[in-house]
Amino acid sequence: MNRFSLKNSIILCVSLVLVCIILSCNRSTSSSIEKAIDRESSTDESAAMSQLMSAEELLSANDCAACHHEKESVIGPSYSQIAKRYSITDIPQLTEKIIKGGKGNWGETPMTAHPGLSQDEATVILTYILSMK
């Protein structure tokens, strides 16, 4: 009877240890997943912030401020006027206007061409401007 009791006690202890190990593994996996999700959302926020800073840097590195301001018309429309008139679906057309220049959309004053900007850079600028609704 003593052996049976000892055997059962050993099985019970081993079972409890295994249950504890399994539970702690699930917690660390869950915790790792939560940490990974937090890191990913933090990375997304950082990417959005760096894109925002890139847009501002691009605007100031080019001659945009000579004709456009955020809320007031100078020579061309303000960024907020552009944001009210256009949407994200207009980005391809607007990208071409920024790079190649043009006139007629806001009166007779021509839009200066910016052939030094890439399509990606123009898209970053436009995404930023269109967010100013």
N, C-alpha and C. Protein backbone atom coordinates (compact mmCIF):
# COMPACT_ATOMS: atom_id res chain seq x y z
N MET A 1 0.82 -1.19 0.00
CA MET A 1 0.00 0.00 0.00
C MET A 1 0.87 1.25 0.00
N ASN A 2 2.00 1.16 0.68
CA ASN A 2 2.91 2.28 0.77
C ASN A 2 3.51 2.60 -0.58
N ARG A 3 3.87 1.57 -1.35
CA ARG A 3 4.42 1.78 -2.69
C ARG A 3 3.39 2.44 -3.59
N PHE A 4 2.16 2.00 -3.51
CA PHE A 4 1.10 2.56 -4.35
C PHE A 4 0.91 4.04 -4.04
N SER A 5 0.93 4.37 -2.80
CA SER A 5 0.78 5.73 -2.37
C SER A 5 1.96 6.58 -2.82
N LEU A 6 3.17 6.07 -2.73
CA LEU A 6 4.36 6.78 -3.17
C LEU A 6 4.34 6.99 -4.67
N LYS A 7 3.92 5.96 -5.39
CA LYS A 7 3.83 6.06 -6.86
C LYS A 7 2.82 7.11 -7.27
N ASN A 8 1.69 7.13 -6.60
CA ASN A 8 0.66 8.13 -6.90
C ASN A 8 1.14 9.54 -6.55
N SER A 9 1.86 9.66 -5.47
CA SER A 9 2.39 10.96 -5.07
C SER A 9 3.38 11.48 -6.10
N ILE A 10 4.24 10.59 -6.60
CA ILE A 10 5.22 10.98 -7.61
C ILE A 10 4.50 11.41 -8.89
N ILE A 11 3.51 10.64 -9.32
CA ILE A 11 2.74 10.97 -10.53
C ILE A 11 2.04 12.31 -10.35
N LEU A 12 1.47 12.51 -9.19
CA LEU A 12 0.78 13.77 -8.91
C LEU A 12 1.76 14.94 -8.95
N CYS A 13 2.93 14.80 -8.35
CA CYS A 13 3.93 15.88 -8.35
C CYS A 13 4.42 16.18 -9.77
N VAL A 14 4.71 15.12 -10.52
CA VAL A 14 5.18 15.31 -11.90
C VAL A 14 4.09 15.98 -12.73
N SER A 15 2.86 15.58 -12.52
CA SER A 15 1.73 16.18 -13.25
C SER A 15 1.60 17.66 -12.92
N LEU A 16 1.73 17.99 -11.65
CA LEU A 16 1.64 19.39 -11.24
C LEU A 16 2.77 20.22 -11.84
N VAL A 17 3.97 19.65 -11.85
CA VAL A 17 5.11 20.36 -12.45
C VAL A 17 4.86 20.59 -13.94
N LEU A 18 4.37 19.57 -14.62
CA LEU A 18 4.08 19.70 -16.06
C LEU A 18 2.99 20.75 -16.31
N VAL A 19 1.97 20.76 -15.50
CA VAL A 19 0.91 21.76 -15.64
C VAL A 19 1.49 23.17 -15.43
N CYS A 20 2.33 23.32 -14.43
CA CYS A 20 2.95 24.63 -14.18
C CYS A 20 3.82 25.06 -15.36
N ILE A 21 4.57 24.13 -15.91
CA ILE A 21 5.42 24.44 -17.07
C ILE A 21 4.57 24.85 -18.26
N ILE A 22 3.51 24.11 -18.51
CA ILE A 22 2.62 24.42 -19.64
C ILE A 22 1.98 25.79 -19.46
N LEU A 23 1.50 26.05 -18.27
CA LEU A 23 0.87 27.35 -18.01
C LEU A 23 1.86 28.50 -18.15
N SER A 24 3.07 28.30 -17.65
CA SER A 24 4.05 29.38 -17.76
C SER A 24 4.47 29.57 -19.21
N CYS A 25 4.53 28.50 -19.99
CA CYS A 25 4.85 28.64 -21.42
C CYS A 25 3.77 29.41 -22.15
N ASN A 26 2.52 29.12 -21.85
CA ASN A 26 1.42 29.83 -22.49
C ASN A 26 1.45 31.31 -22.13
N ARG A 27 1.78 31.61 -20.89
CA ARG A 27 1.86 33.01 -20.48
C ARG A 27 2.98 33.73 -21.21
N SER A 28 4.14 33.11 -21.32
CA SER A 28 5.25 33.79 -21.99
C SER A 28 4.99 33.92 -23.47
N THR A 29 4.33 32.93 -24.09
CA THR A 29 3.98 33.03 -25.50
C THR A 29 2.99 34.16 -25.70
N SER A 30 1.98 34.18 -24.84
CA SER A 30 0.99 35.23 -24.93
C SER A 30 1.65 36.59 -24.72
N SER A 31 2.52 36.65 -23.73
CA SER A 31 3.21 37.90 -23.45
C SER A 31 4.10 38.30 -24.63
N SER A 32 4.77 37.33 -25.24
CA SER A 32 5.62 37.61 -26.40
C SER A 32 4.79 38.13 -27.55
N ILE A 33 3.62 37.54 -27.75
CA ILE A 33 2.75 37.99 -28.83
C ILE A 33 2.29 39.42 -28.55
N GLU A 34 1.90 39.69 -27.31
CA GLU A 34 1.47 41.05 -26.96
C GLU A 34 2.61 42.05 -27.16
N LYS A 35 3.83 41.67 -26.78
CA LYS A 35 4.97 42.55 -26.96
C LYS A 35 5.23 42.80 -28.44
N ALA A 36 5.10 41.75 -29.26
CA ALA A 36 5.31 41.90 -30.70
C ALA A 36 4.27 42.83 -31.30
N ILE A 37 3.02 42.70 -30.86
CA ILE A 37 1.95 43.57 -31.36
C ILE A 37 2.23 45.01 -30.94
N ASP A 38 2.64 45.21 -29.67
CA ASP A 38 2.97 46.55 -29.20
C ASP A 38 4.11 47.15 -30.01
N ARG A 39 5.15 46.33 -30.27
CA ARG A 39 6.29 46.81 -31.06
C ARG A 39 5.84 47.18 -32.47
N GLU A 40 4.95 46.36 -33.05
CA GLU A 40 4.50 46.63 -34.41
C GLU A 40 3.70 47.91 -34.48
N SER A 41 2.79 48.13 -33.52
CA SER A 41 2.01 49.36 -33.54
C SER A 41 2.90 50.56 -33.27
N SER A 42 3.90 50.38 -32.42
CA SER A 42 4.85 51.45 -32.17
C SER A 42 5.66 51.76 -33.43
N THR A 43 6.02 50.71 -34.17
CA THR A 43 6.75 50.89 -35.43
C THR A 43 5.88 51.61 -36.45
N ASP A 44 4.58 51.24 -36.51
CA ASP A 44 3.66 51.91 -37.42
C ASP A 44 3.54 53.39 -37.08
N GLU A 45 3.44 53.70 -35.78
CA GLU A 45 3.36 55.09 -35.37
C GLU A 45 4.65 55.84 -35.72
N SER A 46 5.78 55.16 -35.52
CA SER A 46 7.07 55.79 -35.85
C SER A 46 7.17 56.03 -37.34
N ALA A 47 6.71 55.05 -38.13
CA ALA A 47 6.75 55.20 -39.59
C ALA A 47 5.86 56.35 -40.02
N ALA A 48 4.68 56.45 -39.42
CA ALA A 48 3.78 57.55 -39.76
C ALA A 48 4.40 58.88 -39.37
N MET A 49 5.04 58.93 -38.21
CA MET A 49 5.66 60.16 -37.77
C MET A 49 6.83 60.53 -38.67
N SER A 50 7.63 59.54 -39.07
CA SER A 50 8.77 59.86 -39.94
C SER A 50 8.27 60.27 -41.31
N GLN A 51 7.15 59.69 -41.76
CA GLN A 51 6.58 60.13 -43.04
C GLN A 51 6.11 61.57 -42.93
N LEU A 52 5.48 61.91 -41.81
CA LEU A 52 5.03 63.27 -41.58
C LEU A 52 6.23 64.22 -41.59
N MET A 53 7.28 63.86 -40.91
CA MET A 53 8.47 64.71 -40.88
C MET A 53 9.08 64.80 -42.27
N SER A 54 9.07 63.71 -42.99
CA SER A 54 9.62 63.73 -44.34
C SER A 54 8.83 64.69 -45.23
N ALA A 55 7.52 64.70 -45.08
CA ALA A 55 6.69 65.60 -45.88
C ALA A 55 7.04 67.05 -45.56
N GLU A 56 7.16 67.34 -44.28
CA GLU A 56 7.50 68.71 -43.89
C GLU A 56 8.90 69.08 -44.38
N GLU A 57 9.82 68.15 -44.30
CA GLU A 57 11.17 68.40 -44.81
C GLU A 57 11.15 68.62 -46.31
N LEU A 58 10.37 67.80 -47.02
CA LEU A 58 10.27 67.97 -48.48
C LEU A 58 9.66 69.31 -48.84
N LEU A 59 8.63 69.71 -48.12
CA LEU A 59 8.00 71.00 -48.39
C LEU A 59 8.98 72.15 -48.18
N SER A 60 9.76 72.07 -47.11
CA SER A 60 10.69 73.17 -46.86
C SER A 60 11.94 73.09 -47.73
N ALA A 61 12.31 71.89 -48.17
CA ALA A 61 13.50 71.74 -49.02
C ALA A 61 13.23 72.20 -50.45
N ASN A 62 11.99 72.23 -50.84
CA ASN A 62 11.62 72.69 -52.18
C ASN A 62 11.03 74.10 -52.05
N ASP A 63 10.58 74.65 -53.14
CA ASP A 63 10.08 76.03 -53.11
C ASP A 63 8.58 76.12 -52.84
N CYS A 64 8.02 75.12 -52.18
CA CYS A 64 6.56 75.08 -51.96
C CYS A 64 6.05 76.30 -51.20
N ALA A 65 6.77 76.69 -50.16
CA ALA A 65 6.32 77.80 -49.32
C ALA A 65 6.31 79.15 -50.05
N ALA A 66 6.99 79.21 -51.19
CA ALA A 66 6.97 80.47 -51.96
C ALA A 66 5.57 80.74 -52.51
N CYS A 67 4.80 79.68 -52.77
CA CYS A 67 3.47 79.84 -53.37
C CYS A 67 2.33 79.33 -52.49
N HIS A 68 2.63 78.48 -51.53
CA HIS A 68 1.57 77.84 -50.72
C HIS A 68 1.88 77.96 -49.24
N HIS A 69 0.84 78.24 -48.46
CA HIS A 69 0.91 78.20 -47.01
C HIS A 69 -0.17 77.27 -46.52
N GLU A 70 -0.14 76.92 -45.25
CA GLU A 70 -1.11 75.95 -44.74
C GLU A 70 -2.55 76.45 -44.83
N LYS A 71 -2.80 77.68 -44.40
CA LYS A 71 -4.19 78.14 -44.32
C LYS A 71 -4.52 79.34 -45.19
N GLU A 72 -3.52 79.99 -45.76
CA GLU A 72 -3.82 81.18 -46.56
C GLU A 72 -3.26 81.04 -47.97
N SER A 73 -3.99 81.59 -48.93
CA SER A 73 -3.53 81.61 -50.31
C SER A 73 -2.43 82.65 -50.45
N VAL A 74 -1.40 82.29 -51.15
CA VAL A 74 -0.33 83.24 -51.43
C VAL A 74 -0.39 83.47 -52.94
N ILE A 75 0.42 82.76 -53.69
CA ILE A 75 0.33 82.80 -55.16
C ILE A 75 -0.58 81.67 -55.62
N GLY A 76 -0.41 80.52 -54.99
CA GLY A 76 -1.27 79.37 -55.26
C GLY A 76 -2.22 79.13 -54.10
N PRO A 77 -3.04 78.11 -54.19
CA PRO A 77 -4.00 77.83 -53.11
C PRO A 77 -3.28 77.36 -51.85
N SER A 78 -3.96 77.52 -50.71
CA SER A 78 -3.41 77.03 -49.44
C SER A 78 -3.51 75.50 -49.42
N TYR A 79 -2.73 74.91 -48.55
CA TYR A 79 -2.78 73.45 -48.41
C TYR A 79 -4.18 72.99 -47.99
N SER A 80 -4.81 73.75 -47.10
CA SER A 80 -6.15 73.36 -46.65
C SER A 80 -7.17 73.47 -47.79
N GLN A 81 -7.03 74.45 -48.69
CA GLN A 81 -7.92 74.53 -49.85
C GLN A 81 -7.72 73.32 -50.76
N ILE A 82 -6.48 72.93 -50.95
CA ILE A 82 -6.18 71.75 -51.78
C ILE A 82 -6.81 70.52 -51.15
N ALA A 83 -6.67 70.40 -49.82
CA ALA A 83 -7.22 69.24 -49.11
C ALA A 83 -8.74 69.19 -49.21
N LYS A 84 -9.39 70.35 -49.24
CA LYS A 84 -10.85 70.37 -49.35
C LYS A 84 -11.31 69.99 -50.76
N ARG A 85 -10.54 70.34 -51.77
CA ARG A 85 -10.95 70.09 -53.14
C ARG A 85 -10.65 68.67 -53.60
N TYR A 86 -9.54 68.09 -53.13
CA TYR A 86 -9.09 66.80 -53.64
C TYR A 86 -9.14 65.72 -52.57
N SER A 87 -9.07 64.46 -53.04
CA SER A 87 -9.02 63.32 -52.12
C SER A 87 -7.84 62.43 -52.49
N ILE A 88 -7.67 61.40 -51.74
CA ILE A 88 -6.57 60.44 -51.96
C ILE A 88 -6.62 59.87 -53.38
N THR A 89 -7.81 59.72 -53.93
CA THR A 89 -7.93 59.15 -55.28
C THR A 89 -7.35 60.07 -56.35
N ASP A 90 -7.15 61.34 -56.02
CA ASP A 90 -6.58 62.30 -56.97
C ASP A 90 -5.05 62.37 -56.93
N ILE A 91 -4.43 61.58 -56.07
CA ILE A 91 -2.97 61.66 -55.90
C ILE A 91 -2.21 61.43 -57.21
N PRO A 92 -2.57 60.45 -58.06
CA PRO A 92 -1.80 60.30 -59.30
C PRO A 92 -1.83 61.55 -60.18
N GLN A 93 -2.98 62.17 -60.33
CA GLN A 93 -3.12 63.39 -61.13
C GLN A 93 -2.33 64.54 -60.49
N LEU A 94 -2.44 64.68 -59.18
CA LEU A 94 -1.76 65.76 -58.49
C LEU A 94 -0.24 65.56 -58.48
N THR A 95 0.19 64.33 -58.40
CA THR A 95 1.63 64.02 -58.46
C THR A 95 2.20 64.51 -59.78
N GLU A 96 1.47 64.25 -60.85
CA GLU A 96 1.91 64.70 -62.18
C GLU A 96 1.98 66.23 -62.23
N LYS A 97 1.00 66.91 -61.63
CA LYS A 97 1.00 68.38 -61.60
C LYS A 97 2.21 68.92 -60.84
N ILE A 98 2.56 68.28 -59.72
CA ILE A 98 3.70 68.74 -58.94
C ILE A 98 4.99 68.56 -59.74
N ILE A 99 5.15 67.40 -60.35
CA ILE A 99 6.40 67.09 -61.05
C ILE A 99 6.51 67.83 -62.38
N LYS A 100 5.42 67.85 -63.16
CA LYS A 100 5.47 68.45 -64.50
C LYS A 100 5.00 69.89 -64.55
N GLY A 101 4.32 70.33 -63.50
CA GLY A 101 3.77 71.68 -63.52
C GLY A 101 2.46 71.71 -64.29
N GLY A 102 1.86 72.87 -64.39
CA GLY A 102 0.60 73.01 -65.12
C GLY A 102 -0.11 74.27 -64.72
N LYS A 103 -1.28 74.47 -65.31
CA LYS A 103 -2.09 75.62 -64.92
C LYS A 103 -3.53 75.35 -65.28
N GLY A 104 -4.40 76.19 -64.74
CA GLY A 104 -5.82 76.08 -65.06
C GLY A 104 -6.67 75.53 -63.95
N ASN A 105 -6.12 74.81 -63.01
CA ASN A 105 -6.94 74.24 -61.94
C ASN A 105 -7.32 75.28 -60.88
N TRP A 106 -6.47 76.30 -60.69
CA TRP A 106 -6.71 77.32 -59.69
C TRP A 106 -6.57 78.71 -60.31
N GLY A 107 -6.98 78.85 -61.53
CA GLY A 107 -6.84 80.13 -62.22
C GLY A 107 -5.71 80.06 -63.23
N GLU A 108 -5.23 81.21 -63.64
CA GLU A 108 -4.23 81.27 -64.70
C GLU A 108 -2.78 81.21 -64.22
N THR A 109 -2.56 81.31 -62.91
CA THR A 109 -1.19 81.25 -62.39
C THR A 109 -0.66 79.83 -62.55
N PRO A 110 0.47 79.66 -63.25
CA PRO A 110 0.97 78.30 -63.47
C PRO A 110 1.60 77.70 -62.21
N MET A 111 1.49 76.38 -62.14
CA MET A 111 2.18 75.61 -61.10
C MET A 111 3.57 75.31 -61.61
N THR A 112 4.58 75.71 -60.87
CA THR A 112 5.96 75.47 -61.26
C THR A 112 6.26 73.97 -61.27
N ALA A 113 6.98 73.50 -62.27
CA ALA A 113 7.38 72.09 -62.34
C ALA A 113 8.45 71.79 -61.30
N HIS A 114 8.43 70.60 -60.78
CA HIS A 114 9.42 70.13 -59.81
C HIS A 114 9.96 68.78 -60.27
N PRO A 115 10.71 68.77 -61.38
CA PRO A 115 11.19 67.50 -61.94
C PRO A 115 12.19 66.78 -61.05
N GLY A 116 12.74 67.45 -60.06
CA GLY A 116 13.68 66.82 -59.14
C GLY A 116 13.01 65.95 -58.09
N LEU A 117 11.69 66.06 -57.95
CA LEU A 117 10.96 65.24 -56.99
C LEU A 117 10.60 63.90 -57.63
N SER A 118 10.73 62.84 -56.88
CA SER A 118 10.28 61.53 -57.36
C SER A 118 8.77 61.41 -57.15
N GLN A 119 8.18 60.41 -57.77
CA GLN A 119 6.74 60.18 -57.56
C GLN A 119 6.46 59.86 -56.09
N ASP A 120 7.35 59.08 -55.47
CA ASP A 120 7.16 58.74 -54.06
C ASP A 120 7.22 59.98 -53.17
N GLU A 121 8.16 60.87 -53.45
CA GLU A 121 8.27 62.10 -52.65
C GLU A 121 7.03 62.97 -52.84
N ALA A 122 6.56 63.08 -54.07
CA ALA A 122 5.35 63.87 -54.33
C ALA A 122 4.15 63.24 -53.62
N THR A 123 4.09 61.92 -53.58
CA THR A 123 3.00 61.24 -52.90
C THR A 123 3.05 61.49 -51.40
N VAL A 124 4.24 61.49 -50.81
CA VAL A 124 4.38 61.80 -49.38
C VAL A 124 3.88 63.21 -49.11
N ILE A 125 4.27 64.15 -49.94
CA ILE A 125 3.83 65.55 -49.79
C ILE A 125 2.30 65.63 -49.89
N LEU A 126 1.75 64.99 -50.92
CA LEU A 126 0.30 65.06 -51.13
C LEU A 126 -0.49 64.39 -50.01
N THR A 127 -0.01 63.28 -49.52
CA THR A 127 -0.69 62.59 -48.42
C THR A 127 -0.74 63.51 -47.21
N TYR A 128 0.35 64.20 -46.96
CA TYR A 128 0.41 65.15 -45.85
C TYR A 128 -0.56 66.31 -46.08
N ILE A 129 -0.53 66.90 -47.28
CA ILE A 129 -1.40 68.04 -47.58
C ILE A 129 -2.87 67.63 -47.49
N LEU A 130 -3.21 66.47 -48.04
CA LEU A 130 -4.61 66.03 -48.04
C LEU A 130 -5.11 65.68 -46.63
N SER A 131 -4.20 65.52 -45.69
CA SER A 131 -4.62 65.25 -44.31
C SER A 131 -5.02 66.54 -43.59
N MET A 132 -4.88 67.70 -44.23
CA MET A 132 -5.16 68.99 -43.59
C MET A 132 -6.61 69.44 -43.77
N LYS A 133 -7.51 68.53 -43.93
CA LYS A 133 -8.93 68.90 -44.13
C LYS A 133 -9.52 69.54 -42.91
